[in-house]
């Protein structure tokens, strides 16, 4: 019985996808995904500086529209309570 429970947990864990994988499968570009991940990380860590965990690539933020959109979306949608999509 113990072996069955462990195997079930492993199978269910293997079936879950991260938010990054879900967005990638939907066709979002690499710049958008990088921005989303950086924005989400910044929101989750509540960092105000790079030393606190704030992530944002200033050059890409102004030159790559998709990165900026991804960063803003990630920052708005992620918070400490929603770790399953990070």
PDB file of N, CA and C in Angstrom:
ATOM      1  N   UNK A   1       0.830  -1.191   0.000  1.00  0.00           N
ATOM      2  CA  UNK A   1       0.000   0.000   0.000  1.00  0.00           C
ATOM      3  C   UNK A   1       0.874   1.254   0.000  1.00  0.00           C
ATOM      4  N   UNK A   2       1.936   1.219   0.800  1.00  0.00           N
ATOM      5  CA  UNK A   2       2.830   2.368   0.872  1.00  0.00           C
ATOM      6  C   UNK A   2       3.484   2.631  -0.488  1.00  0.00           C
ATOM      7  N   UNK A   3       3.861   1.574  -1.162  1.00  0.00           N
ATOM      8  CA  UNK A   3       4.473   1.689  -2.482  1.00  0.00           C
ATOM      9  C   UNK A   3       3.481   2.291  -3.477  1.00  0.00           C
ATOM     10  N   UNK A   4       2.216   1.904  -3.396  1.00  0.00           N
ATOM     11  CA  UNK A   4       1.175   2.431  -4.276  1.00  0.00           C
ATOM     12  C   UNK A   4       1.012   3.942  -4.084  1.00  0.00           C
ATOM     13  N   UNK A   5       1.004   4.378  -2.846  1.00  0.00           N
ATOM     14  CA  UNK A   5       0.840   5.807  -2.556  1.00  0.00           C
ATOM     15  C   UNK A   5       2.031   6.600  -3.091  1.00  0.00           C
ATOM     16  N   UNK A   6       3.223   6.082  -2.895  1.00  0.00           N
ATOM     17  CA  UNK A   6       4.416   6.767  -3.385  1.00  0.00           C
ATOM     18  C   UNK A   6       4.405   6.846  -4.906  1.00  0.00           C
ATOM     19  N   UNK A   7       4.058   5.766  -5.571  1.00  0.00           N
ATOM     20  CA  UNK A   7       4.003   5.761  -7.036  1.00  0.00           C
ATOM     21  C   UNK A   7       2.940   6.724  -7.555  1.00  0.00           C
ATOM     22  N   UNK A   8       1.802   6.778  -6.891  1.00  0.00           N
ATOM     23  CA  UNK A   8       0.739   7.696  -7.301  1.00  0.00           C
ATOM     24  C   UNK A   8       1.208   9.141  -7.181  1.00  0.00           C
ATOM     25  N   UNK A   9       1.878   9.458  -6.098  1.00  0.00           N
ATOM     26  CA  UNK A   9       2.398  10.820  -5.910  1.00  0.00           C
ATOM     27  C   UNK A   9       3.427  11.173  -6.979  1.00  0.00           C
ATOM     28  N   UNK A  10       4.303  10.250  -7.303  1.00  0.00           N
ATOM     29  CA  UNK A  10       5.309  10.499  -8.330  1.00  0.00           C
ATOM     30  C   UNK A  10       4.674  10.712  -9.698  1.00  0.00           C
ATOM     31  N   UNK A  11       3.677   9.927 -10.016  1.00  0.00           N
ATOM     32  CA  UNK A  11       2.993  10.067 -11.303  1.00  0.00           C
ATOM     33  C   UNK A  11       2.278  11.407 -11.390  1.00  0.00           C
ATOM     34  N   UNK A  12       1.588  11.784 -10.340  1.00  0.00           N
ATOM     35  CA  UNK A  12       0.872  13.059 -10.350  1.00  0.00           C
ATOM     36  C   UNK A  12       1.829  14.243 -10.405  1.00  0.00           C
ATOM     37  N   UNK A  13       2.956  14.140  -9.746  1.00  0.00           N
ATOM     38  CA  UNK A  13       3.949  15.208  -9.788  1.00  0.00           C
ATOM     39  C   UNK A  13       4.522  15.345 -11.190  1.00  0.00           C
ATOM     40  N   UNK A  14       4.734  14.245 -11.863  1.00  0.00           N
ATOM     41  CA  UNK A  14       5.266  14.271 -13.219  1.00  0.00           C
ATOM     42  C   UNK A  14       4.297  14.834 -14.236  1.00  0.00           C
ATOM     43  N   UNK A  15       3.018  14.853 -13.938  1.00  0.00           N
ATOM     44  CA  UNK A  15       2.008  15.341 -14.873  1.00  0.00           C
ATOM     45  C   UNK A  15       1.775  16.844 -14.772  1.00  0.00           C
ATOM     46  N   UNK A  16       2.272  17.475 -13.750  1.00  0.00           N
ATOM     47  CA  UNK A  16       2.035  18.905 -13.600  1.00  0.00           C
ATOM     48  C   UNK A  16       3.000  19.688 -14.473  1.00  0.00           C
ATOM     49  N   UNK A  17       2.560  20.824 -14.934  1.00  0.00           N
ATOM     50  CA  UNK A  17       3.393  21.690 -15.757  1.00  0.00           C
ATOM     51  C   UNK A  17       3.517  23.050 -15.084  1.00  0.00           C
ATOM     52  N   UNK A  18       4.673  23.653 -15.237  1.00  0.00           N
ATOM     53  CA  UNK A  18       4.860  24.985 -14.685  1.00  0.00           C
ATOM     54  C   UNK A  18       4.191  26.001 -15.593  1.00  0.00           C
ATOM     55  N   UNK A  19       4.005  27.193 -15.078  1.00  0.00           N
ATOM     56  CA  UNK A  19       3.403  28.265 -15.874  1.00  0.00           C
ATOM     57  C   UNK A  19       4.284  28.571 -17.084  1.00  0.00           C
ATOM     58  N   UNK A  20       5.594  28.508 -16.898  1.00  0.00           N
ATOM     59  CA  UNK A  20       6.532  28.750 -17.992  1.00  0.00           C
ATOM     60  C   UNK A  20       6.310  27.745 -19.121  1.00  0.00           C
ATOM     61  N   UNK A  21       6.151  26.471 -18.769  1.00  0.00           N
ATOM     62  CA  UNK A  21       5.903  25.435 -19.773  1.00  0.00           C
ATOM     63  C   UNK A  21       4.564  25.637 -20.457  1.00  0.00           C
ATOM     64  N   UNK A  22       3.549  26.017 -19.697  1.00  0.00           N
ATOM     65  CA  UNK A  22       2.227  26.240 -20.274  1.00  0.00           C
ATOM     66  C   UNK A  22       2.265  27.385 -21.279  1.00  0.00           C
ATOM     67  N   UNK A  23       2.919  28.475 -20.927  1.00  0.00           N
ATOM     68  CA  UNK A  23       3.003  29.613 -21.839  1.00  0.00           C
ATOM     69  C   UNK A  23       3.831  29.272 -23.070  1.00  0.00           C
ATOM     70  N   UNK A  24       4.889  28.516 -22.879  1.00  0.00           N
ATOM     71  CA  UNK A  24       5.719  28.098 -24.005  1.00  0.00           C
ATOM     72  C   UNK A  24       4.928  27.224 -24.973  1.00  0.00           C
ATOM     73  N   UNK A  25       4.141  26.322 -24.438  1.00  0.00           N
ATOM     74  CA  UNK A  25       3.313  25.457 -25.281  1.00  0.00           C
ATOM     75  C   UNK A  25       2.245  26.232 -26.034  1.00  0.00           C
ATOM     76  N   UNK A  26       1.849  27.384 -25.506  1.00  0.00           N
ATOM     77  CA  UNK A  26       0.853  28.221 -26.178  1.00  0.00           C
ATOM     78  C   UNK A  26       1.476  29.090 -27.266  1.00  0.00           C
ATOM     79  N   UNK A  27       2.794  29.059 -27.397  1.00  0.00           N
ATOM     80  CA  UNK A  27       3.460  29.773 -28.477  1.00  0.00           C
ATOM     81  C   UNK A  27       4.037  31.127 -28.113  1.00  0.00           C
ATOM     82  N   UNK A  28       4.140  31.439 -26.836  1.00  0.00           N
ATOM     83  CA  UNK A  28       4.734  32.716 -26.449  1.00  0.00           C
ATOM     84  C   UNK A  28       6.229  32.700 -26.751  1.00  0.00           C
ATOM     85  N   UNK A  29       6.764  33.852 -27.134  1.00  0.00           N
ATOM     86  CA  UNK A  29       8.164  33.946 -27.538  1.00  0.00           C
ATOM     87  C   UNK A  29       9.101  33.884 -26.339  1.00  0.00           C
ATOM     88  N   UNK A  30      10.371  33.663 -26.643  1.00  0.00           N
ATOM     89  CA  UNK A  30      11.391  33.572 -25.595  1.00  0.00           C
ATOM     90  C   UNK A  30      11.496  34.883 -24.808  1.00  0.00           C
ATOM     91  N   UNK A  31      11.414  36.020 -25.513  1.00  0.00           N
ATOM     92  CA  UNK A  31      11.497  37.310 -24.824  1.00  0.00           C
ATOM     93  C   UNK A  31      10.342  37.476 -23.838  1.00  0.00           C
ATOM     94  N   UNK A  32       9.144  37.091 -24.259  1.00  0.00           N
ATOM     95  CA  UNK A  32       7.982  37.190 -23.373  1.00  0.00           C
ATOM     96  C   UNK A  32       8.168  36.288 -22.155  1.00  0.00           C
ATOM     97  N   UNK A  33       8.610  35.060 -22.381  1.00  0.00           N
ATOM     98  CA  UNK A  33       8.789  34.105 -21.283  1.00  0.00           C
ATOM     99  C   UNK A  33       9.854  34.576 -20.293  1.00  0.00           C
ATOM    100  N   UNK A  34      10.953  35.128 -20.811  1.00  0.00           N
ATOM    101  CA  UNK A  34      11.992  35.661 -19.917  1.00  0.00           C
ATOM    102  C   UNK A  34      11.445  36.814 -19.088  1.00  0.00           C
ATOM    103  N   UNK A  35      10.707  37.707 -19.737  1.00  0.00           N
ATOM    104  CA  UNK A  35      10.115  38.833 -19.021  1.00  0.00           C
ATOM    105  C   UNK A  35       9.116  38.380 -17.981  1.00  0.00           C
ATOM    106  N   UNK A  36       8.286  37.405 -18.346  1.00  0.00           N
ATOM    107  CA  UNK A  36       7.286  36.882 -17.416  1.00  0.00           C
ATOM    108  C   UNK A  36       7.965  36.298 -16.181  1.00  0.00           C
ATOM    109  N   UNK A  37       9.009  35.529 -16.412  1.00  0.00           N
ATOM    110  CA  UNK A  37       9.715  34.904 -15.292  1.00  0.00           C
ATOM    111  C   UNK A  37      10.381  35.958 -14.407  1.00  0.00           C
ATOM    112  N   UNK A  38      10.993  36.962 -15.006  1.00  0.00           N
ATOM    113  CA  UNK A  38      11.629  38.022 -14.215  1.00  0.00           C
ATOM    114  C   UNK A  38      10.599  38.828 -13.430  1.00  0.00           C
ATOM    115  N   UNK A  39       9.487  39.173 -14.071  1.00  0.00           N
ATOM    116  CA  UNK A  39       8.438  39.932 -13.389  1.00  0.00           C
ATOM    117  C   UNK A  39       7.808  39.144 -12.256  1.00  0.00           C
ATOM    118  N   UNK A  40       7.572  37.879 -12.501  1.00  0.00           N
ATOM    119  CA  UNK A  40       6.981  37.016 -11.479  1.00  0.00           C
ATOM    120  C   UNK A  40       7.931  36.882 -10.287  1.00  0.00           C
ATOM    121  N   UNK A  41       9.212  36.689 -10.575  1.00  0.00           N
ATOM    122  CA  UNK A  41      10.192  36.571  -9.494  1.00  0.00           C
ATOM    123  C   UNK A  41      10.253  37.862  -8.677  1.00  0.00           C
ATOM    124  N   UNK A  42      10.216  38.995  -9.362  1.00  0.00           N
ATOM    125  CA  UNK A  42      10.260  40.286  -8.667  1.00  0.00           C
ATOM    126  C   UNK A  42       9.060  40.459  -7.753  1.00  0.00           C
ATOM    127  N   UNK A  43       7.901  40.049  -8.206  1.00  0.00           N
ATOM    128  CA  UNK A  43       6.684  40.167  -7.393  1.00  0.00           C
ATOM    129  C   UNK A  43       6.727  39.211  -6.203  1.00  0.00           C
ATOM    130  N   UNK A  44       7.146  37.978  -6.438  1.00  0.00           N
ATOM    131  CA  UNK A  44       7.153  36.973  -5.374  1.00  0.00           C
ATOM    132  C   UNK A  44       8.144  37.311  -4.274  1.00  0.00           C
ATOM    133  N   UNK A  45       9.306  37.843  -4.645  1.00  0.00           N
ATOM    134  CA  UNK A  45      10.306  38.183  -3.637  1.00  0.00           C
ATOM    135  C   UNK A  45      10.059  39.557  -3.041  1.00  0.00           C
ATOM    136  N   UNK A  46       9.183  40.327  -3.680  1.00  0.00           N
ATOM    137  CA  UNK A  46       8.858  41.683  -3.227  1.00  0.00           C
ATOM    138  C   UNK A  46      10.124  42.522  -3.105  1.00  0.00           C
ATOM    139  N   UNK A  47      11.049  42.294  -4.053  1.00  0.00           N
ATOM    140  CA  UNK A  47      12.311  43.010  -4.023  1.00  0.00           C
ATOM    141  C   UNK A  47      12.198  44.415  -4.568  1.00  0.00           C
ATOM    142  N   UNK A  48      12.925  45.319  -3.952  1.00  0.00           N
ATOM    143  CA  UNK A  48      12.970  46.704  -4.407  1.00  0.00           C
ATOM    144  C   UNK A  48      14.276  46.999  -5.154  1.00  0.00           C
ATOM    145  N   UNK A  49      15.311  46.192  -4.898  1.00  0.00           N
ATOM    146  CA  UNK A  49      16.593  46.353  -5.578  1.00  0.00           C
ATOM    147  C   UNK A  49      17.040  44.988  -6.087  1.00  0.00           C
ATOM    148  N   UNK A  50      18.090  44.978  -6.887  1.00  0.00           N
ATOM    149  CA  UNK A  50      18.607  43.714  -7.404  1.00  0.00           C
ATOM    150  C   UNK A  50      19.140  42.831  -6.285  1.00  0.00           C
ATOM    151  N   UNK A  51      19.606  43.435  -5.205  1.00  0.00           N
ATOM    152  CA  UNK A  51      20.091  42.660  -4.059  1.00  0.00           C
ATOM    153  C   UNK A  51      18.944  41.974  -3.323  1.00  0.00           C
ATOM    154  N   UNK A  52      17.751  42.537  -3.399  1.00  0.00           N
ATOM    155  CA  UNK A  52      16.571  41.964  -2.735  1.00  0.00           C
ATOM    156  C   UNK A  52      15.872  40.907  -3.579  1.00  0.00           C
ATOM    157  N   UNK A  53      16.257  40.760  -4.835  1.00  0.00           N
ATOM    158  CA  UNK A  53      15.609  39.788  -5.697  1.00  0.00           C
ATOM    159  C   UNK A  53      14.843  40.397  -6.853  1.00  0.00           C
ATOM    160  N   UNK A  54      14.917  41.714  -7.012  1.00  0.00           N
ATOM    161  CA  UNK A  54      14.230  42.390  -8.110  1.00  0.00           C
ATOM    162  C   UNK A  54      14.945  42.058  -9.408  1.00  0.00           C
ATOM    163  N   UNK A  55      14.196  41.593 -10.395  1.00  0.00           N
ATOM    164  CA  UNK A  55      14.778  41.236 -11.683  1.00  0.00           C
ATOM    165  C   UNK A  55      14.089  42.023 -12.791  1.00  0.00           C
ATOM    166  N   UNK A  56      14.884  42.746 -13.537  1.00  0.00           N
ATOM    167  CA  UNK A  56      14.376  43.414 -14.728  1.00  0.00           C
ATOM    168  C   UNK A  56      15.582  43.805 -15.568  1.00  0.00           C
ATOM    169  N   UNK A  57      15.551  43.447 -16.836  1.00  0.00           N
ATOM    170  CA  UNK A  57      16.625  43.802 -17.749  1.00  0.00           C
ATOM    171  C   UNK A  57      16.249  45.133 -18.396  1.00  0.00           C
ATOM    172  N   UNK A  58      16.859  46.245 -17.950  1.00  0.00           N
ATOM    173  CA  UNK A  58      16.442  47.562 -18.443  1.00  0.00           C
ATOM    174  C   UNK A  58      16.575  47.716 -19.955  1.00  0.00           C
ATOM    175  N   UNK A  59      17.635  47.166 -20.523  1.00  0.00           N
ATOM    176  CA  UNK A  59      17.830  47.290 -21.969  1.00  0.00           C
ATOM    177  C   UNK A  59      16.735  46.557 -22.733  1.00  0.00           C
ATOM    178  N   UNK A  60      16.442  45.340 -22.330  1.00  0.00           N
ATOM    179  CA  UNK A  60      15.384  44.577 -22.999  1.00  0.00           C
ATOM    180  C   UNK A  60      14.012  45.170 -22.719  1.00  0.00           C
ATOM    181  N   UNK A  61      13.856  45.788 -21.559  1.00  0.00           N
ATOM    182  CA  UNK A  61      12.572  46.383 -21.196  1.00  0.00           C
ATOM    183  C   UNK A  61      12.188  47.476 -22.195  1.00  0.00           C
ATOM    184  N   UNK A  62      13.174  48.218 -22.687  1.00  0.00           N
ATOM    185  CA  UNK A  62      12.898  49.322 -23.603  1.00  0.00           C
ATOM    186  C   UNK A  62      13.053  48.948 -25.074  1.00  0.00           C
ATOM    187  N   UNK A  63      13.805  47.898 -25.372  1.00  0.00           N
ATOM    188  CA  UNK A  63      14.035  47.536 -26.768  1.00  0.00           C
ATOM    189  C   UNK A  63      13.177  46.370 -27.251  1.00  0.00           C
ATOM    190  N   UNK A  64      12.744  45.529 -26.349  1.00  0.00           N
ATOM    191  CA  UNK A  64      11.959  44.345 -26.722  1.00  0.00           C
ATOM    192  C   UNK A  64      10.566  44.458 -26.123  1.00  0.00           C
ATOM    193  N   UNK A  65       9.601  44.746 -26.954  1.00  0.00           N
ATOM    194  CA  UNK A  65       8.228  44.930 -26.498  1.00  0.00           C
ATOM    195  C   UNK A  65       7.690  43.673 -25.824  1.00  0.00           C
ATOM    196  N   UNK A  66       8.019  42.507 -26.362  1.00  0.00           N
ATOM    197  CA  UNK A  66       7.526  41.248 -25.784  1.00  0.00           C
ATOM    198  C   UNK A  66       8.084  41.018 -24.383  1.00  0.00           C
ATOM    199  N   UNK A  67       9.337  41.372 -24.159  1.00  0.00           N
ATOM    200  CA  UNK A  67       9.916  41.234 -22.815  1.00  0.00           C
ATOM    201  C   UNK A  67       9.157  42.126 -21.837  1.00  0.00           C
ATOM    202  N   UNK A  68       8.914  43.368 -22.235  1.00  0.00           N
ATOM    203  CA  UNK A  68       8.205  44.315 -21.366  1.00  0.00           C
ATOM    204  C   UNK A  68       6.790  43.828 -21.068  1.00  0.00           C
ATOM    205  N   UNK A  69       6.103  43.308 -22.080  1.00  0.00           N
ATOM    206  CA  UNK A  69       4.754  42.779 -21.858  1.00  0.00           C
ATOM    207  C   UNK A  69       4.790  41.581 -20.920  1.00  0.00           C
ATOM    208  N   UNK A  70       5.748  40.694 -21.130  1.00  0.00           N
ATOM    209  CA  UNK A  70       5.883  39.524 -20.267  1.00  0.00           C
ATOM    210  C   UNK A  70       6.215  39.910 -18.843  1.00  0.00           C
ATOM    211  N   UNK A  71       7.108  40.888 -18.683  1.00  0.00           N
ATOM    212  CA  UNK A  71       7.482  41.326 -17.337  1.00  0.00           C
ATOM    213  C   UNK A  71       6.268  41.895 -16.608  1.00  0.00           C
ATOM    214  N   UNK A  72       5.523  42.754 -17.273  1.00  0.00           N
ATOM    215  CA  UNK A  72       4.338  43.356 -16.647  1.00  0.00           C
ATOM    216  C   UNK A  72       3.287  42.303 -16.310  1.00  0.00           C
ATOM    217  N   UNK A  73       3.068  41.360 -17.226  1.00  0.00           N
ATOM    218  CA  UNK A  73       2.096  40.292 -16.962  1.00  0.00           C
ATOM    219  C   UNK A  73       2.535  39.425 -15.791  1.00  0.00           C
ATOM    220  N   UNK A  74       3.811  39.047 -15.773  1.00  0.00           N
ATOM    221  CA  UNK A  74       4.323  38.226 -14.681  1.00  0.00           C
ATOM    222  C   UNK A  74       4.248  38.933 -13.350  1.00  0.00           C
ATOM    223  N   UNK A  75       4.554  40.224 -13.347  1.00  0.00           N
ATOM    224  CA  UNK A  75       4.523  40.992 -12.106  1.00  0.00           C
ATOM    225  C   UNK A  75       3.100  41.109 -11.577  1.00  0.00           C
ATOM    226  N   UNK A  76       2.123  41.262 -12.473  1.00  0.00           N
ATOM    227  CA  UNK A  76       0.729  41.403 -12.053  1.00  0.00           C
ATOM    228  C   UNK A  76       0.111  40.083 -11.605  1.00  0.00           C
ATOM    229  N   UNK A  77       0.505  38.981 -12.229  1.00  0.00           N
ATOM    230  CA  UNK A  77      -0.187  37.718 -11.992  1.00  0.00           C
ATOM    231  C   UNK A  77       0.426  36.861 -10.890  1.00  0.00           C
ATOM    232  N   UNK A  78       1.645  37.120 -10.513  1.00  0.00           N
ATOM    233  CA  UNK A  78       2.301  36.268  -9.512  1.00  0.00           C
ATOM    234  C   UNK A  78       2.336  36.950  -8.151  1.00  0.00           C
ATOM    235  N   UNK A  79       2.121  36.176  -7.137  1.00  0.00           N
ATOM    236  CA  UNK A  79       2.285  36.670  -5.774  1.00  0.00           C
ATOM    237  C   UNK A  79       2.724  35.514  -4.887  1.00  0.00           C
ATOM    238  N   UNK A  80       2.975  35.783  -3.633  1.00  0.00           N
ATOM    239  CA  UNK A  80       3.486  34.761  -2.712  1.00  0.00           C
ATOM    240  C   UNK A  80       2.551  33.573  -2.556  1.00  0.00           C
ATOM    241  N   UNK A  81       1.248  33.793  -2.667  1.00  0.00           N
ATOM    242  CA  UNK A  81       0.283  32.715  -2.446  1.00  0.00           C
ATOM    243  C   UNK A  81       0.152  31.798  -3.653  1.00  0.00           C
ATOM    244  N   UNK A  82       0.627  32.220  -4.815  1.00  0.00           N
ATOM    245  CA  UNK A  82       0.407  31.466  -6.045  1.00  0.00           C
ATOM    246  C   UNK A  82       1.721  30.896  -6.562  1.00  0.00           C
ATOM    247  N   UNK A  83       2.290  29.948  -5.846  1.00  0.00           N
ATOM    248  CA  UNK A  83       3.578  29.393  -6.222  1.00  0.00           C
ATOM    249  C   UNK A  83       3.467  28.304  -7.279  1.00  0.00           C
ATOM    250  N   UNK A  84       2.300  27.794  -7.557  1.00  0.00           N
ATOM    251  CA  UNK A  84       2.165  26.685  -8.496  1.00  0.00           C
ATOM    252  C   UNK A  84       2.419  27.102  -9.937  1.00  0.00           C
ATOM    253  N   UNK A  85       2.287  28.381 -10.258  1.00  0.00           N
ATOM    254  CA  UNK A  85       2.496  28.817 -11.632  1.00  0.00           C
ATOM    255  C   UNK A  85       3.874  29.385 -11.874  1.00  0.00           C
ATOM    256  N   UNK A  86       4.731  29.397 -10.883  1.00  0.00           N
ATOM    257  CA  UNK A  86       6.045  30.001 -11.045  1.00  0.00           C
ATOM    258  C   UNK A  86       7.025  29.047 -11.637  1.00  0.00           C
TER     259      UNK A  86
END
